[in-house]
Each structure stands twice: as structure tokens, then as C-alpha cells.
PDB file of N, CA and C in Angstrom:
ATOM      1  N   UNK A   1       0.850  -1.181   0.000  1.00  0.00           N
ATOM      2  CA  UNK A   1       0.000   0.000   0.000  1.00  0.00           C
ATOM      3  C   UNK A   1       0.892   1.240   0.000  1.00  0.00           C
ATOM      4  N   UNK A   2       0.631   2.136  -0.914  1.00  0.00           N
ATOM      5  CA  UNK A   2       1.315   3.434  -0.923  1.00  0.00           C
ATOM      6  C   UNK A   2       0.407   4.437  -0.240  1.00  0.00           C
ATOM      7  N   UNK A   3       0.978   5.244   0.624  1.00  0.00           N
ATOM      8  CA  UNK A   3       0.213   6.295   1.314  1.00  0.00           C
ATOM      9  C   UNK A   3       0.940   7.613   1.140  1.00  0.00           C
ATOM     10  N   UNK A   4       0.164   8.675   0.914  1.00  0.00           N
ATOM     11  CA  UNK A   4       0.751  10.002   0.828  1.00  0.00           C
ATOM     12  C   UNK A   4      -0.262  11.032   1.291  1.00  0.00           C
ATOM     13  N   UNK A   5       0.240  12.202   1.592  1.00  0.00           N
ATOM     14  CA  UNK A   5      -0.607  13.317   2.038  1.00  0.00           C
ATOM     15  C   UNK A   5      -0.411  14.505   1.106  1.00  0.00           C
ATOM     16  N   UNK A   6      -1.454  15.281   0.951  1.00  0.00           N
ATOM     17  CA  UNK A   6      -1.356  16.565   0.274  1.00  0.00           C
ATOM     18  C   UNK A   6      -2.315  17.524   0.970  1.00  0.00           C
ATOM     19  N   UNK A   7      -2.076  18.801   0.789  1.00  0.00           N
ATOM     20  CA  UNK A   7      -2.992  19.776   1.380  1.00  0.00           C
ATOM     21  C   UNK A   7      -4.314  19.760   0.631  1.00  0.00           C
ATOM     22  N   UNK A   8      -5.396  19.896   1.345  1.00  0.00           N
ATOM     23  CA  UNK A   8      -6.736  19.839   0.753  1.00  0.00           C
ATOM     24  C   UNK A   8      -6.914  20.899  -0.327  1.00  0.00           C
ATOM     25  N   UNK A   9      -6.299  22.046  -0.162  1.00  0.00           N
ATOM     26  CA  UNK A   9      -6.479  23.137  -1.134  1.00  0.00           C
ATOM     27  C   UNK A   9      -5.636  22.964  -2.402  1.00  0.00           C
ATOM     28  N   UNK A  10      -4.775  21.958  -2.441  1.00  0.00           N
ATOM     29  CA  UNK A  10      -3.908  21.730  -3.591  1.00  0.00           C
ATOM     30  C   UNK A  10      -4.657  20.893  -4.642  1.00  0.00           C
ATOM     31  N   UNK A  11      -5.547  21.545  -5.358  1.00  0.00           N
ATOM     32  CA  UNK A  11      -6.419  20.862  -6.314  1.00  0.00           C
ATOM     33  C   UNK A  11      -5.635  20.162  -7.425  1.00  0.00           C
ATOM     34  N   UNK A  12      -4.550  20.756  -7.878  1.00  0.00           N
ATOM     35  CA  UNK A  12      -3.751  20.143  -8.937  1.00  0.00           C
ATOM     36  C   UNK A  12      -3.148  18.816  -8.499  1.00  0.00           C
ATOM     37  N   UNK A  13      -2.585  18.784  -7.306  1.00  0.00           N
ATOM     38  CA  UNK A  13      -1.996  17.550  -6.788  1.00  0.00           C
ATOM     39  C   UNK A  13      -3.074  16.497  -6.578  1.00  0.00           C
ATOM     40  N   UNK A  14      -4.210  16.922  -6.061  1.00  0.00           N
ATOM     41  CA  UNK A  14      -5.295  15.965  -5.816  1.00  0.00           C
ATOM     42  C   UNK A  14      -5.776  15.335  -7.115  1.00  0.00           C
ATOM     43  N   UNK A  15      -5.929  16.137  -8.160  1.00  0.00           N
ATOM     44  CA  UNK A  15      -6.341  15.586  -9.458  1.00  0.00           C
ATOM     45  C   UNK A  15      -5.288  14.610  -9.985  1.00  0.00           C
ATOM     46  N   UNK A  16      -4.016  14.993  -9.831  1.00  0.00           N
ATOM     47  CA  UNK A  16      -2.920  14.142 -10.294  1.00  0.00           C
ATOM     48  C   UNK A  16      -2.957  12.781  -9.594  1.00  0.00           C
ATOM     49  N   UNK A  17      -3.037  12.771  -8.266  1.00  0.00           N
ATOM     50  CA  UNK A  17      -3.043  11.512  -7.518  1.00  0.00           C
ATOM     51  C   UNK A  17      -4.257  10.668  -7.878  1.00  0.00           C
ATOM     52  N   UNK A  18      -5.422  11.291  -7.978  1.00  0.00           N
ATOM     53  CA  UNK A  18      -6.634  10.547  -8.307  1.00  0.00           C
ATOM     54  C   UNK A  18      -6.560   9.971  -9.717  1.00  0.00           C
ATOM     55  N   UNK A  19      -5.968  10.704 -10.637  1.00  0.00           N
ATOM     56  CA  UNK A  19      -5.802  10.231 -12.013  1.00  0.00           C
ATOM     57  C   UNK A  19      -4.886   9.010 -12.058  1.00  0.00           C
ATOM     58  N   UNK A  20      -3.972   8.903 -11.081  1.00  0.00           N
ATOM     59  CA  UNK A  20      -3.035   7.784 -11.042  1.00  0.00           C
ATOM     60  C   UNK A  20      -3.452   6.698 -10.052  1.00  0.00           C
ATOM     61  N   UNK A  21      -4.730   6.646  -9.730  1.00  0.00           N
ATOM     62  CA  UNK A  21      -5.256   5.523  -8.960  1.00  0.00           C
ATOM     63  C   UNK A  21      -5.260   5.661  -7.457  1.00  0.00           C
ATOM     64  N   UNK A  22      -4.881   6.807  -6.926  1.00  0.00           N
ATOM     65  CA  UNK A  22      -4.938   7.005  -5.483  1.00  0.00           C
ATOM     66  C   UNK A  22      -6.362   7.366  -5.075  1.00  0.00           C
ATOM     67  N   UNK A  23      -6.746   6.940  -3.880  1.00  0.00           N
ATOM     68  CA  UNK A  23      -8.087   7.209  -3.356  1.00  0.00           C
ATOM     69  C   UNK A  23      -7.948   7.983  -2.051  1.00  0.00           C
ATOM     70  N   UNK A  24      -8.727   9.046  -1.899  1.00  0.00           N
ATOM     71  CA  UNK A  24      -8.729   9.814  -0.647  1.00  0.00           C
ATOM     72  C   UNK A  24      -9.394   8.965   0.431  1.00  0.00           C
ATOM     73  N   UNK A  25      -8.671   8.728   1.531  1.00  0.00           N
ATOM     74  CA  UNK A  25      -9.207   7.869   2.587  1.00  0.00           C
ATOM     75  C   UNK A  25      -9.369   8.581   3.922  1.00  0.00           C
ATOM     76  N   UNK A  26      -8.756   9.742   4.076  1.00  0.00           N
ATOM     77  CA  UNK A  26      -8.871  10.475   5.342  1.00  0.00           C
ATOM     78  C   UNK A  26      -8.672  11.969   5.087  1.00  0.00           C
ATOM     79  N   UNK A  27      -9.405  12.765   5.825  1.00  0.00           N
ATOM     80  CA  UNK A  27      -9.330  14.215   5.707  1.00  0.00           C
ATOM     81  C   UNK A  27      -8.986  14.787   7.069  1.00  0.00           C
ATOM     82  N   UNK A  28      -7.878  15.547   7.157  1.00  0.00           N
ATOM     83  CA  UNK A  28      -7.450  16.128   8.422  1.00  0.00           C
ATOM     84  C   UNK A  28      -7.791  17.609   8.490  1.00  0.00           C
ATOM     85  N   UNK A  29      -7.859  18.113   9.716  1.00  0.00           N
ATOM     86  CA  UNK A  29      -8.203  19.523   9.926  1.00  0.00           C
ATOM     87  C   UNK A  29      -6.974  20.418  10.030  1.00  0.00           C
ATOM     88  N   UNK A  30      -5.784  19.834   9.870  1.00  0.00           N
ATOM     89  CA  UNK A  30      -4.544  20.602   9.948  1.00  0.00           C
ATOM     90  C   UNK A  30      -3.854  20.495  11.286  1.00  0.00           C
ATOM     91  N   UNK A  31      -4.507  19.900  12.259  1.00  0.00           N
ATOM     92  CA  UNK A  31      -3.888  19.786  13.579  1.00  0.00           C
ATOM     93  C   UNK A  31      -2.747  18.775  13.596  1.00  0.00           C
ATOM     94  N   UNK A  32      -2.636  17.943  12.553  1.00  0.00           N
ATOM     95  CA  UNK A  32      -1.599  16.921  12.515  1.00  0.00           C
ATOM     96  C   UNK A  32      -0.390  17.278  11.675  1.00  0.00           C
ATOM     97  N   UNK A  33      -0.299  18.523  11.184  1.00  0.00           N
ATOM     98  CA  UNK A  33       0.878  18.905  10.408  1.00  0.00           C
ATOM     99  C   UNK A  33       1.394  20.269  10.866  1.00  0.00           C
ATOM    100  N   UNK A  34       2.653  20.554  10.543  1.00  0.00           N
ATOM    101  CA  UNK A  34       3.304  21.788  10.997  1.00  0.00           C
ATOM    102  C   UNK A  34       2.647  23.046  10.457  1.00  0.00           C
ATOM    103  N   UNK A  35       2.113  22.956   9.259  1.00  0.00           N
ATOM    104  CA  UNK A  35       1.551  24.139   8.610  1.00  0.00           C
ATOM    105  C   UNK A  35       0.162  24.501   9.115  1.00  0.00           C
ATOM    106  N   UNK A  36      -0.506  23.565   9.781  1.00  0.00           N
ATOM    107  CA  UNK A  36      -1.854  23.820  10.273  1.00  0.00           C
ATOM    108  C   UNK A  36      -2.889  23.864   9.154  1.00  0.00           C
ATOM    109  N   UNK A  37      -2.545  23.299   7.993  1.00  0.00           N
ATOM    110  CA  UNK A  37      -3.420  23.294   6.817  1.00  0.00           C
ATOM    111  C   UNK A  37      -4.218  21.988   6.762  1.00  0.00           C
ATOM    112  N   UNK A  38      -5.501  22.051   6.450  1.00  0.00           N
ATOM    113  CA  UNK A  38      -6.267  20.819   6.239  1.00  0.00           C
ATOM    114  C   UNK A  38      -5.585  19.965   5.164  1.00  0.00           C
ATOM    115  N   UNK A  39      -5.544  18.655   5.409  1.00  0.00           N
ATOM    116  CA  UNK A  39      -4.865  17.774   4.473  1.00  0.00           C
ATOM    117  C   UNK A  39      -5.724  16.565   4.131  1.00  0.00           C
ATOM    118  N   UNK A  40      -5.264  15.844   3.120  1.00  0.00           N
ATOM    119  CA  UNK A  40      -5.957  14.649   2.646  1.00  0.00           C
ATOM    120  C   UNK A  40      -4.937  13.525   2.564  1.00  0.00           C
ATOM    121  N   UNK A  41      -5.285  12.356   3.120  1.00  0.00           N
ATOM    122  CA  UNK A  41      -4.423  11.184   2.984  1.00  0.00           C
ATOM    123  C   UNK A  41      -4.956  10.339   1.839  1.00  0.00           C
ATOM    124  N   UNK A  42      -4.058   9.978   0.937  1.00  0.00           N
ATOM    125  CA  UNK A  42      -4.390   9.136  -0.205  1.00  0.00           C
ATOM    126  C   UNK A  42      -3.707   7.784  -0.056  1.00  0.00           C
ATOM    127  N   UNK A  43      -4.355   6.758  -0.607  1.00  0.00           N
ATOM    128  CA  UNK A  43      -3.767   5.421  -0.628  1.00  0.00           C
ATOM    129  C   UNK A  43      -3.962   4.811  -2.007  1.00  0.00           C
ATOM    130  N   UNK A  44      -3.015   3.949  -2.354  1.00  0.00           N
ATOM    131  CA  UNK A  44      -3.114   3.188  -3.601  1.00  0.00           C
ATOM    132  C   UNK A  44      -2.525   1.819  -3.357  1.00  0.00           C
ATOM    133  N   UNK A  45      -3.216   0.793  -3.782  1.00  0.00           N
ATOM    134  CA  UNK A  45      -2.729  -0.570  -3.621  1.00  0.00           C
ATOM    135  C   UNK A  45      -1.518  -0.802  -4.517  1.00  0.00           C
ATOM    136  N   UNK A  46      -0.544  -1.525  -3.994  1.00  0.00           N
ATOM    137  CA  UNK A  46       0.631  -1.883  -4.780  1.00  0.00           C
ATOM    138  C   UNK A  46       0.519  -3.309  -5.307  1.00  0.00           C
ATOM    139  N   UNK A  47      -0.560  -3.973  -4.999  1.00  0.00           N
ATOM    140  CA  UNK A  47      -0.706  -5.386  -5.358  1.00  0.00           C
ATOM    141  C   UNK A  47      -0.452  -5.630  -6.851  1.00  0.00           C
ATOM    142  N   UNK A  48      -1.113  -4.931  -7.715  1.00  0.00           N
ATOM    143  CA  UNK A  48      -0.933  -5.130  -9.146  1.00  0.00           C
ATOM    144  C   UNK A  48       0.438  -4.707  -9.633  1.00  0.00           C
ATOM    145  N   UNK A  49       0.958  -3.611  -9.084  1.00  0.00           N
ATOM    146  CA  UNK A  49       2.272  -3.122  -9.504  1.00  0.00           C
ATOM    147  C   UNK A  49       3.357  -4.130  -9.164  1.00  0.00           C
ATOM    148  N   UNK A  50       3.310  -4.673  -7.953  1.00  0.00           N
ATOM    149  CA  UNK A  50       4.343  -5.612  -7.508  1.00  0.00           C
ATOM    150  C   UNK A  50       4.213  -6.931  -8.242  1.00  0.00           C
ATOM    151  N   UNK A  51       2.987  -7.401  -8.429  1.00  0.00           N
ATOM    152  CA  UNK A  51       2.793  -8.668  -9.140  1.00  0.00           C
ATOM    153  C   UNK A  51       3.345  -8.570 -10.562  1.00  0.00           C
ATOM    154  N   UNK A  52       3.082  -7.470 -11.243  1.00  0.00           N
ATOM    155  CA  UNK A  52       3.590  -7.289 -12.598  1.00  0.00           C
ATOM    156  C   UNK A  52       5.104  -7.240 -12.633  1.00  0.00           C
ATOM    157  N   UNK A  53       5.701  -6.582 -11.657  1.00  0.00           N
ATOM    158  CA  UNK A  53       7.156  -6.488 -11.606  1.00  0.00           C
ATOM    159  C   UNK A  53       7.785  -7.838 -11.300  1.00  0.00           C
ATOM    160  N   UNK A  54       7.132  -8.613 -10.442  1.00  0.00           N
ATOM    161  CA  UNK A  54       7.671  -9.943 -10.140  1.00  0.00           C
ATOM    162  C   UNK A  54       7.667 -10.812 -11.391  1.00  0.00           C
ATOM    163  N   UNK A  55       6.607 -10.691 -12.188  1.00  0.00           N
ATOM    164  CA  UNK A  55       6.565 -11.457 -13.440  1.00  0.00           C
ATOM    165  C   UNK A  55       7.704 -11.013 -14.359  1.00  0.00           C
ATOM    166  N   UNK A  56       8.074  -9.758 -14.265  1.00  0.00           N
ATOM    167  CA  UNK A  56       9.149  -9.229 -15.102  1.00  0.00           C
ATOM    168  C   UNK A  56      10.523  -9.441 -14.479  1.00  0.00           C
ATOM    169  N   UNK A  57      10.567  -9.972 -13.246  1.00  0.00           N
ATOM    170  CA  UNK A  57      11.836 -10.272 -12.599  1.00  0.00           C
ATOM    171  C   UNK A  57      12.348  -9.222 -11.637  1.00  0.00           C
ATOM    172  N   UNK A  58      11.559  -8.188 -11.327  1.00  0.00           N
ATOM    173  CA  UNK A  58      11.993  -7.161 -10.365  1.00  0.00           C
ATOM    174  C   UNK A  58      11.464  -7.503  -8.974  1.00  0.00           C
ATOM    175  N   UNK A  59      12.154  -7.038  -7.955  1.00  0.00           N
ATOM    176  CA  UNK A  59      11.689  -7.212  -6.584  1.00  0.00           C
ATOM    177  C   UNK A  59      10.701  -6.126  -6.211  1.00  0.00           C
ATOM    178  N   UNK A  60      10.217  -6.143  -4.965  1.00  0.00           N
ATOM    179  CA  UNK A  60       9.232  -5.167  -4.497  1.00  0.00           C
ATOM    180  C   UNK A  60       9.723  -3.731  -4.662  1.00  0.00           C
ATOM    181  N   UNK A  61      10.959  -3.456  -4.273  1.00  0.00           N
ATOM    182  CA  UNK A  61      11.477  -2.094  -4.384  1.00  0.00           C
ATOM    183  C   UNK A  61      11.556  -1.662  -5.843  1.00  0.00           C
ATOM    184  N   UNK A  62      11.950  -2.580  -6.718  1.00  0.00           N
ATOM    185  CA  UNK A  62      12.023  -2.270  -8.138  1.00  0.00           C
ATOM    186  C   UNK A  62      10.659  -1.938  -8.719  1.00  0.00           C
ATOM    187  N   UNK A  63       9.622  -2.568  -8.196  1.00  0.00           N
ATOM    188  CA  UNK A  63       8.266  -2.314  -8.686  1.00  0.00           C
ATOM    189  C   UNK A  63       7.784  -0.930  -8.291  1.00  0.00           C
ATOM    190  N   UNK A  64       8.186  -0.455  -7.143  1.00  0.00           N
ATOM    191  CA  UNK A  64       7.697   0.825  -6.642  1.00  0.00           C
ATOM    192  C   UNK A  64       8.514   2.009  -7.153  1.00  0.00           C
ATOM    193  N   UNK A  65       9.746   1.776  -7.495  1.00  0.00           N
ATOM    194  CA  UNK A  65      10.641   2.870  -7.883  1.00  0.00           C
ATOM    195  C   UNK A  65      10.076   3.758  -9.004  1.00  0.00           C
ATOM    196  N   UNK A  66       9.513   3.206 -10.091  1.00  0.00           N
ATOM    197  CA  UNK A  66       8.975   4.090 -11.134  1.00  0.00           C
ATOM    198  C   UNK A  66       7.829   4.966 -10.636  1.00  0.00           C
ATOM    199  N   UNK A  67       6.985   4.441  -9.754  1.00  0.00           N
ATOM    200  CA  UNK A  67       5.872   5.237  -9.231  1.00  0.00           C
ATOM    201  C   UNK A  67       6.378   6.358  -8.344  1.00  0.00           C
ATOM    202  N   UNK A  68       7.354   6.064  -7.509  1.00  0.00           N
ATOM    203  CA  UNK A  68       7.896   7.098  -6.626  1.00  0.00           C
ATOM    204  C   UNK A  68       8.495   8.212  -7.467  1.00  0.00           C
ATOM    205  N   UNK A  69       9.256   7.854  -8.494  1.00  0.00           N
ATOM    206  CA  UNK A  69       9.870   8.870  -9.354  1.00  0.00           C
ATOM    207  C   UNK A  69       8.806   9.655 -10.110  1.00  0.00           C
ATOM    208  N   UNK A  70       7.801   8.959 -10.620  1.00  0.00           N
ATOM    209  CA  UNK A  70       6.761   9.621 -11.407  1.00  0.00           C
ATOM    210  C   UNK A  70       5.972  10.611 -10.555  1.00  0.00           C
ATOM    211  N   UNK A  71       5.656  10.216  -9.348  1.00  0.00           N
ATOM    212  CA  UNK A  71       4.859  11.084  -8.482  1.00  0.00           C
ATOM    213  C   UNK A  71       5.694  12.177  -7.838  1.00  0.00           C
ATOM    214  N   UNK A  72       6.999  11.981  -7.742  1.00  0.00           N
ATOM    215  CA  UNK A  72       7.864  13.000  -7.157  1.00  0.00           C
ATOM    216  C   UNK A  72       7.614  13.228  -5.690  1.00  0.00           C
ATOM    217  N   UNK A  73       7.230  12.200  -4.976  1.00  0.00           N
ATOM    218  CA  UNK A  73       6.880  12.373  -3.571  1.00  0.00           C
ATOM    219  C   UNK A  73       7.631  11.374  -2.684  1.00  0.00           C
ATOM    220  N   UNK A  74       8.874  11.112  -3.016  1.00  0.00           N
ATOM    221  CA  UNK A  74       9.640  10.130  -2.273  1.00  0.00           C
ATOM    222  C   UNK A  74       9.672  10.424  -0.781  1.00  0.00           C
ATOM    223  N   UNK A  75       9.725  11.681  -0.404  1.00  0.00           N
ATOM    224  CA  UNK A  75       9.764  12.053   1.005  1.00  0.00           C
ATOM    225  C   UNK A  75       8.434  11.767   1.704  1.00  0.00           C
ATOM    226  N   UNK A  76       7.330  11.869   0.971  1.00  0.00           N
ATOM    227  CA  UNK A  76       6.013  11.723   1.583  1.00  0.00           C
ATOM    228  C   UNK A  76       5.490  10.288   1.567  1.00  0.00           C
ATOM    229  N   UNK A  77       6.025   9.455   0.706  1.00  0.00           N
ATOM    230  CA  UNK A  77       5.519   8.089   0.594  1.00  0.00           C
ATOM    231  C   UNK A  77       5.944   7.248   1.777  1.00  0.00           C
ATOM    232  N   UNK A  78       5.031   6.440   2.222  1.00  0.00           N
ATOM    233  CA  UNK A  78       5.342   5.462   3.250  1.00  0.00           C
ATOM    234  C   UNK A  78       4.753   4.146   2.781  1.00  0.00           C
ATOM    235  N   UNK A  79       5.588   3.179   2.502  1.00  0.00           N
ATOM    236  CA  UNK A  79       5.116   1.886   2.026  1.00  0.00           C
ATOM    237  C   UNK A  79       4.891   0.968   3.211  1.00  0.00           C
ATOM    238  N   UNK A  80       3.769   0.280   3.196  1.00  0.00           N
ATOM    239  CA  UNK A  80       3.464  -0.664   4.274  1.00  0.00           C
ATOM    240  C   UNK A  80       3.162  -2.023   3.690  1.00  0.00           C
TER     241      UNK A  80
END
């Protein structure tokens, strides 16, 4: 599972994540971040990405690397 956060007011980022299969699963009021800005937590399953990479001979990290680079959010991603 890939998880990331963005500010609720960042409409461009939200459209980008949703277009790439992320789903908004939690909405914060800003009390949980330094900026005090309302935020949105997004999640996306890695099941299909990892399975496809394994068929191609890559390990779990290899499967996620293109997504991390494409999204440009390596600092914000937390894989579980």
C-alpha cells in the first residue's frame, strides 16, 4: 500500500493523484501537520504493480521505484 498526504487546497496535486489511482481515505483539519493546513491522505494498492514487476523479474522495491519517481513524492511516501 502506498500512502501520501497533500494539502486539501492543492487541487492540482489531488487531481494528479486521483488520475493515477490514489483514493482519498482520510481528511485532516490541519492539527496533525506543521503548517496547520487541512490535508488529505491518499492510498493506492501496490498489489498489481508488484505482481507485474515480479513477473518481469523485479523485486518489491524495483516495482515501486517508477511510481515514486513519477509522483515526485519520495519524502512523503510510506510503504506498508
